[in-house]
Amino acid sequence: MKAPRLLAAALLLAGTASQAQANVELGQRLAQSSCAQCHSFTAGEGHGVGPNLFGLLGRPAAAAEGFAFTPQYTSAMKGRTWDRALLERWLTDSQTVAPGSGMVYFQDDPRKRDALIAYLQSLQ
């Protein structure tokens, strides 16, 4: 009786892993189509109009070495660290998080926001 339960658990985990990978892949496509005009995503790659987003999660806000953040952004983000919750708020409406920032992209679809966040989390 244990074998069928183990098989079911393994299939569930495999399905969850497949869904997670699909979510990251969707996030990568969204980032390339909507964010790559301003941001780069590869370690060591230079900044664009916006900072390189490789390794964003866990990084202090306004701390991308070599990128000149606006004073408004720096002031609004002081003491914050990028985590899933902050990124969720940022992608929903960056201007409520950091009024006057140069970020103009907003994502109204929670599924797409989740995919973008999953992709950015994968960039470590």
C-alpha atoms as a PDB file:
ATOM      1  CA  MET A   1       0.000   0.000   0.000  1.00  0.00           C
ATOM      2  CA  LYS A   2       2.900   2.390   0.560  1.00  0.00           C
ATOM      3  CA  ALA A   3       4.104   2.174  -3.054  1.00  0.00           C
ATOM      4  CA  PRO A   4       0.905   3.662  -4.598  1.00  0.00           C
ATOM      5  CA  ARG A   5       0.986   6.531  -2.087  1.00  0.00           C
ATOM      6  CA  LEU A   6       4.661   7.170  -2.780  1.00  0.00           C
ATOM      7  CA  LEU A   7       3.995   7.117  -6.509  1.00  0.00           C
ATOM      8  CA  ALA A   8       1.102   9.547  -6.113  1.00  0.00           C
ATOM      9  CA  ALA A   9       3.269  11.862  -3.993  1.00  0.00           C
ATOM     10  CA  ALA A  10       6.091  11.689  -6.546  1.00  0.00           C
ATOM     11  CA  LEU A  11       3.695  12.506  -9.392  1.00  0.00           C
ATOM     12  CA  LEU A  12       2.262  15.408  -7.428  1.00  0.00           C
ATOM     13  CA  LEU A  13       5.732  16.792  -6.764  1.00  0.00           C
ATOM     14  CA  ALA A  14       6.712  16.341 -10.408  1.00  0.00           C
ATOM     15  CA  GLY A  15       3.561  18.163 -11.488  1.00  0.00           C
ATOM     16  CA  THR A  16       4.250  20.976  -9.038  1.00  0.00           C
ATOM     17  CA  ALA A  17       7.839  21.267 -10.287  1.00  0.00           C
ATOM     18  CA  SER A  18       6.569  21.350 -13.883  1.00  0.00           C
ATOM     19  CA  GLN A  19       4.102  24.090 -13.009  1.00  0.00           C
ATOM     20  CA  ALA A  20       6.799  26.076 -11.229  1.00  0.00           C
ATOM     21  CA  GLN A  21       9.106  25.779 -14.251  1.00  0.00           C
ATOM     22  CA  ALA A  22       6.288  26.828 -16.582  1.00  0.00           C
ATOM     23  CA  ASN A  23       5.659  29.846 -14.357  1.00  0.00           C
ATOM     24  CA  VAL A  24       9.361  30.841 -14.529  1.00  0.00           C
ATOM     25  CA  GLU A  25       9.303  30.417 -18.311  1.00  0.00           C
ATOM     26  CA  LEU A  26       6.198  32.603 -18.589  1.00  0.00           C
ATOM     27  CA  GLY A  27       7.902  35.191 -16.387  1.00  0.00           C
ATOM     28  CA  GLN A  28      10.982  35.143 -18.595  1.00  0.00           C
ATOM     29  CA  ARG A  29       8.856  35.725 -21.711  1.00  0.00           C
ATOM     30  CA  LEU A  30       7.015  38.572 -19.980  1.00  0.00           C
ATOM     31  CA  ALA A  31      10.294  40.116 -18.816  1.00  0.00           C
ATOM     32  CA  GLN A  32      11.757  39.924 -22.313  1.00  0.00           C
ATOM     33  CA  SER A  33       8.670  41.466 -23.904  1.00  0.00           C
ATOM     34  CA  SER A  34       7.873  44.095 -21.262  1.00  0.00           C
ATOM     35  CA  CYS A  35      10.984  44.794 -19.167  1.00  0.00           C
ATOM     36  CA  ALA A  36      14.026  44.218 -21.376  1.00  0.00           C
ATOM     37  CA  GLN A  37      13.620  47.631 -22.997  1.00  0.00           C
ATOM     38  CA  CYS A  38      14.952  49.110 -19.752  1.00  0.00           C
ATOM     39  CA  HIS A  39      16.486  46.262 -17.714  1.00  0.00           C
ATOM     40  CA  SER A  40      19.073  43.540 -18.207  1.00  0.00           C
ATOM     41  CA  PHE A  41      18.884  40.145 -16.496  1.00  0.00           C
ATOM     42  CA  THR A  42      22.295  38.486 -16.809  1.00  0.00           C
ATOM     43  CA  ALA A  43      24.997  38.537 -14.129  1.00  0.00           C
ATOM     44  CA  GLY A  44      27.660  41.088 -14.999  1.00  0.00           C
ATOM     45  CA  GLU A  45      25.644  42.650 -17.810  1.00  0.00           C
ATOM     46  CA  GLY A  46      25.466  46.437 -17.744  1.00  0.00           C
ATOM     47  CA  HIS A  47      22.507  48.528 -16.735  1.00  0.00           C
ATOM     48  CA  GLY A  48      20.001  49.933 -19.157  1.00  0.00           C
ATOM     49  CA  VAL A  49      17.620  52.804 -18.492  1.00  0.00           C
ATOM     50  CA  GLY A  50      16.788  50.763 -15.391  1.00  0.00           C
ATOM     51  CA  PRO A  51      19.155  48.663 -13.284  1.00  0.00           C
ATOM     52  CA  ASN A  52      20.242  45.100 -14.032  1.00  0.00           C
ATOM     53  CA  LEU A  53      17.786  42.816 -12.220  1.00  0.00           C
ATOM     54  CA  PHE A  54      20.009  39.763 -11.803  1.00  0.00           C
ATOM     55  CA  GLY A  55      20.058  38.871  -8.095  1.00  0.00           C
ATOM     56  CA  LEU A  56      17.395  41.465  -7.266  1.00  0.00           C
ATOM     57  CA  LEU A  57      15.602  39.515  -4.537  1.00  0.00           C
ATOM     58  CA  GLY A  58      17.483  39.843  -1.272  1.00  0.00           C
ATOM     59  CA  ARG A  59      19.337  42.950  -2.455  1.00  0.00           C
ATOM     60  CA  PRO A  60      18.861  46.266  -0.651  1.00  0.00           C
ATOM     61  CA  ALA A  61      16.731  48.632  -2.727  1.00  0.00           C
ATOM     62  CA  ALA A  62      18.618  51.402  -4.549  1.00  0.00           C
ATOM     63  CA  ALA A  63      21.835  49.383  -4.279  1.00  0.00           C
ATOM     64  CA  ALA A  64      22.618  48.200  -7.813  1.00  0.00           C
ATOM     65  CA  GLU A  65      26.293  49.089  -8.124  1.00  0.00           C
ATOM     66  CA  GLY A  66      26.950  51.582 -10.898  1.00  0.00           C
ATOM     67  CA  PHE A  67      23.330  52.612 -11.422  1.00  0.00           C
ATOM     68  CA  ALA A  68      22.294  56.212 -10.732  1.00  0.00           C
ATOM     69  CA  PHE A  69      18.947  56.066  -8.939  1.00  0.00           C
ATOM     70  CA  THR A  70      16.814  59.194  -8.695  1.00  0.00           C
ATOM     71  CA  PRO A  71      16.807  61.007  -5.348  1.00  0.00           C
ATOM     72  CA  GLN A  72      13.038  60.334  -5.039  1.00  0.00           C
ATOM     73  CA  TYR A  73      13.547  56.605  -5.494  1.00  0.00           C
ATOM     74  CA  THR A  74      16.518  56.466  -3.150  1.00  0.00           C
ATOM     75  CA  SER A  75      14.617  58.340  -0.453  1.00  0.00           C
ATOM     76  CA  ALA A  76      11.429  56.250  -0.801  1.00  0.00           C
ATOM     77  CA  MET A  77      13.316  52.936  -0.805  1.00  0.00           C
ATOM     78  CA  LYS A  78      15.759  53.707   2.005  1.00  0.00           C
ATOM     79  CA  GLY A  79      16.063  50.766   4.397  1.00  0.00           C
ATOM     80  CA  ARG A  80      14.065  48.375   2.204  1.00  0.00           C
ATOM     81  CA  THR A  81      15.241  45.076   0.793  1.00  0.00           C
ATOM     82  CA  TRP A  82      13.767  43.481  -2.288  1.00  0.00           C
ATOM     83  CA  ASP A  83      11.619  40.506  -1.348  1.00  0.00           C
ATOM     84  CA  ARG A  84       8.570  38.874  -2.889  1.00  0.00           C
ATOM     85  CA  ALA A  85       6.089  41.150  -1.069  1.00  0.00           C
ATOM     86  CA  LEU A  86       7.869  44.375  -2.028  1.00  0.00           C
ATOM     87  CA  LEU A  87       8.224  43.241  -5.626  1.00  0.00           C
ATOM     88  CA  GLU A  88       4.508  42.350  -5.695  1.00  0.00           C
ATOM     89  CA  ARG A  89       3.621  45.883  -4.565  1.00  0.00           C
ATOM     90  CA  TRP A  90       6.169  47.407  -6.952  1.00  0.00           C
ATOM     91  CA  LEU A  91       4.833  45.573 -10.005  1.00  0.00           C
ATOM     92  CA  THR A  92       1.255  46.436  -9.023  1.00  0.00           C
ATOM     93  CA  ASP A  93       1.959  50.192  -8.775  1.00  0.00           C
ATOM     94  CA  SER A  94       5.529  51.412  -8.418  1.00  0.00           C
ATOM     95  CA  GLN A  95       4.390  54.983  -7.895  1.00  0.00           C
ATOM     96  CA  THR A  96       2.667  54.129  -4.606  1.00  0.00           C
ATOM     97  CA  VAL A  97       5.874  52.423  -3.427  1.00  0.00           C
ATOM     98  CA  ALA A  98       8.282  55.133  -4.632  1.00  0.00           C
ATOM     99  CA  PRO A  99       6.470  58.254  -5.883  1.00  0.00           C
ATOM    100  CA  GLY A 100       8.404  59.989  -8.621  1.00  0.00           C
ATOM    101  CA  SER A 101      10.421  56.949  -9.660  1.00  0.00           C
ATOM    102  CA  GLY A 102      11.110  56.416 -13.338  1.00  0.00           C
ATOM    103  CA  MET A 103       9.349  53.049 -13.437  1.00  0.00           C
ATOM    104  CA  VAL A 104       6.311  53.195 -15.700  1.00  0.00           C
ATOM    105  CA  TYR A 105       5.430  49.499 -16.056  1.00  0.00           C
ATOM    106  CA  PHE A 106       2.499  48.117 -14.086  1.00  0.00           C
ATOM    107  CA  GLN A 107       1.108  44.582 -14.207  1.00  0.00           C
ATOM    108  CA  ASP A 108      -2.585  44.292 -13.321  1.00  0.00           C
ATOM    109  CA  ASP A 109      -2.764  40.517 -13.790  1.00  0.00           C
ATOM    110  CA  PRO A 110      -1.791  38.717 -10.532  1.00  0.00           C
ATOM    111  CA  ARG A 111      -0.839  35.554 -12.476  1.00  0.00           C
ATOM    112  CA  LYS A 112       1.584  37.504 -14.656  1.00  0.00           C
ATOM    113  CA  ARG A 113       3.014  39.336 -11.619  1.00  0.00           C
ATOM    114  CA  ASP A 114       3.569  35.973  -9.951  1.00  0.00           C
ATOM    115  CA  ALA A 115       5.332  34.674 -13.061  1.00  0.00           C
ATOM    116  CA  LEU A 116       7.576  37.750 -13.267  1.00  0.00           C
ATOM    117  CA  ILE A 117       8.484  37.363  -9.599  1.00  0.00           C
ATOM    118  CA  ALA A 118       9.196  33.631 -10.076  1.00  0.00           C
ATOM    119  CA  TYR A 119      11.503  34.483 -12.963  1.00  0.00           C
ATOM    120  CA  LEU A 120      13.328  37.175 -10.988  1.00  0.00           C
ATOM    121  CA  GLN A 121      13.693  34.752  -8.061  1.00  0.00           C
ATOM    122  CA  SER A 122      15.344  32.287 -10.425  1.00  0.00           C
ATOM    123  CA  LEU A 123      18.061  34.822 -11.279  1.00  0.00           C
ATOM    124  CA  GLN A 124      20.505  34.085  -8.465  1.00  0.00           C
END
